[in-house]
Amino acid sequence: GKPVREIVKAAEEKNVDLIVMGARGISKIKEILLGSVSHGVARKAHCPVLIIK
């Protein structure tokens, strides 16, 4: 499946309180154009998301 959808779905099914994810060194231009899994999860999750750089 698609990573963002699968992570959000798993978090909902397990009723988690917080999702913790890492962010790799993606350039701002690529992030704006392509997005990233961690930022996609942060936008779609129904719980807080902590992104570690």
Protein backbone atom coordinates (compact mmCIF):
# COMPACT_ATOMS: atom_id res chain seq x y z
CA GLY A 1 0.00 0.00 0.00
CA LYS A 2 0.92 3.65 0.15
CA PRO A 3 3.14 4.42 3.17
CA VAL A 4 1.22 7.42 4.51
CA ARG A 5 -2.14 5.65 4.29
CA GLU A 6 -0.79 2.45 5.86
CA ILE A 7 0.92 4.23 8.77
CA VAL A 8 -2.17 6.32 9.55
CA LYS A 9 -4.42 3.25 9.27
CA ALA A 10 -2.19 1.20 11.61
CA ALA A 11 -2.10 4.04 14.14
CA GLU A 12 -5.90 4.27 14.10
CA GLU A 13 -6.35 0.48 14.41
CA LYS A 14 -3.95 0.32 17.36
CA ASN A 15 -5.38 3.48 18.93
CA VAL A 16 -1.92 5.01 19.44
CA ASP A 17 -1.44 8.26 21.36
CA LEU A 18 1.62 9.48 19.42
CA ILE A 19 3.43 8.64 16.18
CA VAL A 20 7.20 9.20 16.19
CA MET A 21 8.95 9.39 12.81
CA GLY A 22 12.34 10.33 11.46
CA ALA A 23 12.95 12.92 8.76
CA ARG A 24 15.85 12.43 6.41
CA GLY A 25 17.77 15.26 4.82
CA ILE A 26 15.36 15.99 1.98
CA SER A 27 15.80 19.39 0.35
CA LYS A 28 13.07 21.98 0.79
CA ILE A 29 12.44 22.05 -2.97
CA LYS A 30 11.95 18.27 -3.17
CA GLU A 31 9.77 18.34 -0.06
CA ILE A 32 7.53 21.03 -1.56
CA LEU A 33 7.24 19.22 -4.89
CA LEU A 34 7.07 15.62 -3.70
CA GLY A 35 6.11 15.82 -0.05
CA SER A 36 7.48 13.27 2.38
CA VAL A 37 6.05 10.35 4.27
CA SER A 38 6.60 11.95 7.68
CA HIS A 39 4.94 15.21 6.65
CA GLY A 40 2.08 13.32 4.97
CA VAL A 41 1.47 11.36 8.16
CA ALA A 42 1.57 14.58 10.19
CA ARG A 43 -1.13 16.06 7.95
CA LYS A 44 -3.42 13.01 7.95
CA ALA A 45 -2.99 11.40 11.37
CA HIS A 46 -5.66 11.73 14.03
CA CYS A 47 -3.08 11.90 16.81
CA PRO A 48 0.05 14.00 17.40
CA VAL A 49 3.11 13.22 15.24
CA LEU A 50 6.65 13.90 16.47
CA ILE A 51 9.15 14.25 13.62
CA ILE A 52 12.81 13.82 14.61
CA LYS A 53 15.53 15.24 12.36
